[in-house]
């Protein structure tokens, strides 16, 4: 199995935890790391905006990444959530086994 990391940004830690718990319960991800809030500056509807957001990284298989992204997007409060998949070039085989066990039951 190929393991990937899925990077997301949420409106709050509560939203990240709620969605993270849901996708882990559904076995779409093995883990979510909810990071400290960050300051984001971005263009939205023609204006420059600034917001505090909460980044998170989820671990899953490449095979599940599309379903995971779709599920997160459906539960997310943003109209256009930032959800990206990052390849994992190297990892411990025992870690890969844990991700597999956690996402396949």
C-alpha atoms as a PDB file:
ATOM      1  CA  UNK A   1       0.000   0.000   0.000  1.00  0.00           C
ATOM      2  CA  UNK A   2       1.174   3.508  -0.805  1.00  0.00           C
ATOM      3  CA  UNK A   3       0.770   5.915   2.118  1.00  0.00           C
ATOM      4  CA  UNK A   4       0.033   9.601   1.488  1.00  0.00           C
ATOM      5  CA  UNK A   5      -0.456  12.661   3.667  1.00  0.00           C
ATOM      6  CA  UNK A   6      -3.523  14.821   3.156  1.00  0.00           C
ATOM      7  CA  UNK A   7      -3.107  18.474   4.125  1.00  0.00           C
ATOM      8  CA  UNK A   8      -6.206  20.503   5.032  1.00  0.00           C
ATOM      9  CA  UNK A   9      -6.982  23.885   6.529  1.00  0.00           C
ATOM     10  CA  UNK A  10     -10.013  24.332   8.782  1.00  0.00           C
ATOM     11  CA  UNK A  11     -11.875  27.317  10.204  1.00  0.00           C
ATOM     12  CA  UNK A  12     -11.315  26.135  13.791  1.00  0.00           C
ATOM     13  CA  UNK A  13      -9.751  23.405  15.912  1.00  0.00           C
ATOM     14  CA  UNK A  14     -13.258  22.173  16.707  1.00  0.00           C
ATOM     15  CA  UNK A  15     -14.050  21.716  13.019  1.00  0.00           C
ATOM     16  CA  UNK A  16     -10.729  19.918  12.427  1.00  0.00           C
ATOM     17  CA  UNK A  17     -11.400  17.580  15.357  1.00  0.00           C
ATOM     18  CA  UNK A  18     -15.014  16.885  14.337  1.00  0.00           C
ATOM     19  CA  UNK A  19     -14.115  16.080  10.745  1.00  0.00           C
ATOM     20  CA  UNK A  20     -10.946  14.229  11.748  1.00  0.00           C
ATOM     21  CA  UNK A  21     -12.827  12.010  14.166  1.00  0.00           C
ATOM     22  CA  UNK A  22     -15.472  11.282  11.519  1.00  0.00           C
ATOM     23  CA  UNK A  23     -13.003  10.190   8.830  1.00  0.00           C
ATOM     24  CA  UNK A  24     -11.049   8.072  11.307  1.00  0.00           C
ATOM     25  CA  UNK A  25     -14.267   6.390  12.465  1.00  0.00           C
ATOM     26  CA  UNK A  26     -15.048   5.693   8.782  1.00  0.00           C
ATOM     27  CA  UNK A  27     -11.506   4.258   8.347  1.00  0.00           C
ATOM     28  CA  UNK A  28     -10.712   6.776   5.610  1.00  0.00           C
ATOM     29  CA  UNK A  29      -7.659   7.959   7.574  1.00  0.00           C
ATOM     30  CA  UNK A  30      -5.422   6.403  10.194  1.00  0.00           C
ATOM     31  CA  UNK A  31      -4.615   9.645  12.007  1.00  0.00           C
ATOM     32  CA  UNK A  32      -5.058  13.406  11.993  1.00  0.00           C
ATOM     33  CA  UNK A  33      -2.463  15.813  13.363  1.00  0.00           C
ATOM     34  CA  UNK A  34      -4.192  19.077  14.241  1.00  0.00           C
ATOM     35  CA  UNK A  35      -1.575  21.819  14.228  1.00  0.00           C
ATOM     36  CA  UNK A  36      -1.567  25.163  16.035  1.00  0.00           C
ATOM     37  CA  UNK A  37      -3.547  27.983  14.429  1.00  0.00           C
ATOM     38  CA  UNK A  38      -1.870  29.889  11.619  1.00  0.00           C
ATOM     39  CA  UNK A  39      -2.467  33.257  10.028  1.00  0.00           C
ATOM     40  CA  UNK A  40      -3.614  33.053   6.404  1.00  0.00           C
ATOM     41  CA  UNK A  41      -3.630  35.856   3.851  1.00  0.00           C
ATOM     42  CA  UNK A  42      -5.487  35.083   0.638  1.00  0.00           C
ATOM     43  CA  UNK A  43      -7.573  36.530  -2.175  1.00  0.00           C
ATOM     44  CA  UNK A  44     -11.302  35.747  -1.986  1.00  0.00           C
ATOM     45  CA  UNK A  45     -14.017  37.259  -4.176  1.00  0.00           C
ATOM     46  CA  UNK A  46     -11.610  39.925  -5.417  1.00  0.00           C
ATOM     47  CA  UNK A  47     -10.471  41.121  -1.982  1.00  0.00           C
ATOM     48  CA  UNK A  48      -7.412  40.367   0.116  1.00  0.00           C
ATOM     49  CA  UNK A  49      -8.555  38.605   3.307  1.00  0.00           C
ATOM     50  CA  UNK A  50      -6.785  37.651   6.528  1.00  0.00           C
ATOM     51  CA  UNK A  51      -7.959  34.873   8.822  1.00  0.00           C
ATOM     52  CA  UNK A  52      -6.802  32.565  11.570  1.00  0.00           C
ATOM     53  CA  UNK A  53      -7.085  28.968  10.411  1.00  0.00           C
ATOM     54  CA  UNK A  54      -6.142  25.529  11.708  1.00  0.00           C
ATOM     55  CA  UNK A  55      -3.982  23.313   9.483  1.00  0.00           C
ATOM     56  CA  UNK A  56      -4.060  19.535   9.803  1.00  0.00           C
ATOM     57  CA  UNK A  57      -2.324  16.547   8.250  1.00  0.00           C
ATOM     58  CA  UNK A  58      -4.071  13.199   7.835  1.00  0.00           C
ATOM     59  CA  UNK A  59      -2.432   9.864   6.991  1.00  0.00           C
ATOM     60  CA  UNK A  60      -4.124   7.467   4.610  1.00  0.00           C
ATOM     61  CA  UNK A  61      -3.551   5.243   1.600  1.00  0.00           C
ATOM     62  CA  UNK A  62      -3.339   6.583  -1.934  1.00  0.00           C
ATOM     63  CA  UNK A  63      -6.319   4.343  -2.766  1.00  0.00           C
ATOM     64  CA  UNK A  64      -8.481   6.096  -0.148  1.00  0.00           C
ATOM     65  CA  UNK A  65      -7.307   9.657  -0.795  1.00  0.00           C
ATOM     66  CA  UNK A  66     -10.077  10.603  -3.256  1.00  0.00           C
ATOM     67  CA  UNK A  67     -12.815   9.327  -0.912  1.00  0.00           C
ATOM     68  CA  UNK A  68     -11.140  11.102   2.011  1.00  0.00           C
ATOM     69  CA  UNK A  69     -10.954  14.411   0.109  1.00  0.00           C
ATOM     70  CA  UNK A  70     -14.604  14.130  -0.962  1.00  0.00           C
ATOM     71  CA  UNK A  71     -15.744  13.341   2.591  1.00  0.00           C
ATOM     72  CA  UNK A  72     -13.754  16.221   4.107  1.00  0.00           C
ATOM     73  CA  UNK A  73     -15.091  18.634   1.476  1.00  0.00           C
ATOM     74  CA  UNK A  74     -18.665  17.533   2.191  1.00  0.00           C
ATOM     75  CA  UNK A  75     -18.285  18.151   5.928  1.00  0.00           C
ATOM     76  CA  UNK A  76     -16.211  21.343   5.663  1.00  0.00           C
ATOM     77  CA  UNK A  77     -17.559  24.823   6.391  1.00  0.00           C
ATOM     78  CA  UNK A  78     -15.664  26.448   3.492  1.00  0.00           C
ATOM     79  CA  UNK A  79     -17.142  26.647  -0.013  1.00  0.00           C
ATOM     80  CA  UNK A  80     -13.643  25.941  -1.389  1.00  0.00           C
ATOM     81  CA  UNK A  81     -11.625  24.078   1.261  1.00  0.00           C
ATOM     82  CA  UNK A  82      -7.875  23.631   0.894  1.00  0.00           C
ATOM     83  CA  UNK A  83      -7.362  19.864   0.635  1.00  0.00           C
ATOM     84  CA  UNK A  84      -4.195  18.542  -0.984  1.00  0.00           C
ATOM     85  CA  UNK A  85      -2.528  15.139  -1.173  1.00  0.00           C
ATOM     86  CA  UNK A  86       1.212  14.943  -0.544  1.00  0.00           C
ATOM     87  CA  UNK A  87       3.146  11.858  -1.594  1.00  0.00           C
ATOM     88  CA  UNK A  88       5.241  10.112   1.032  1.00  0.00           C
ATOM     89  CA  UNK A  89       8.536   9.098  -0.481  1.00  0.00           C
ATOM     90  CA  UNK A  90       9.872   6.966   2.370  1.00  0.00           C
ATOM     91  CA  UNK A  91       8.488   5.621   5.636  1.00  0.00           C
ATOM     92  CA  UNK A  92       9.045   2.843   8.121  1.00  0.00           C
ATOM     93  CA  UNK A  93       7.435  -0.409   7.051  1.00  0.00           C
ATOM     94  CA  UNK A  94       5.876  -0.784  10.507  1.00  0.00           C
ATOM     95  CA  UNK A  95       4.264   2.653  10.091  1.00  0.00           C
ATOM     96  CA  UNK A  96       2.885   1.649   6.676  1.00  0.00           C
ATOM     97  CA  UNK A  97       1.504  -1.512   8.274  1.00  0.00           C
ATOM     98  CA  UNK A  98      -0.190   0.575  10.983  1.00  0.00           C
ATOM     99  CA  UNK A  99      -1.803   2.887   8.393  1.00  0.00           C
ATOM    100  CA  UNK A 100      -3.006  -0.184   6.478  1.00  0.00           C
ATOM    101  CA  UNK A 101      -4.430  -1.826   9.598  1.00  0.00           C
ATOM    102  CA  UNK A 102      -6.100   1.404  10.713  1.00  0.00           C
ATOM    103  CA  UNK A 103      -7.796   2.045   7.398  1.00  0.00           C
ATOM    104  CA  UNK A 104      -8.793  -1.483   6.400  1.00  0.00           C
ATOM    105  CA  UNK A 105      -9.984  -2.847   9.717  1.00  0.00           C
END
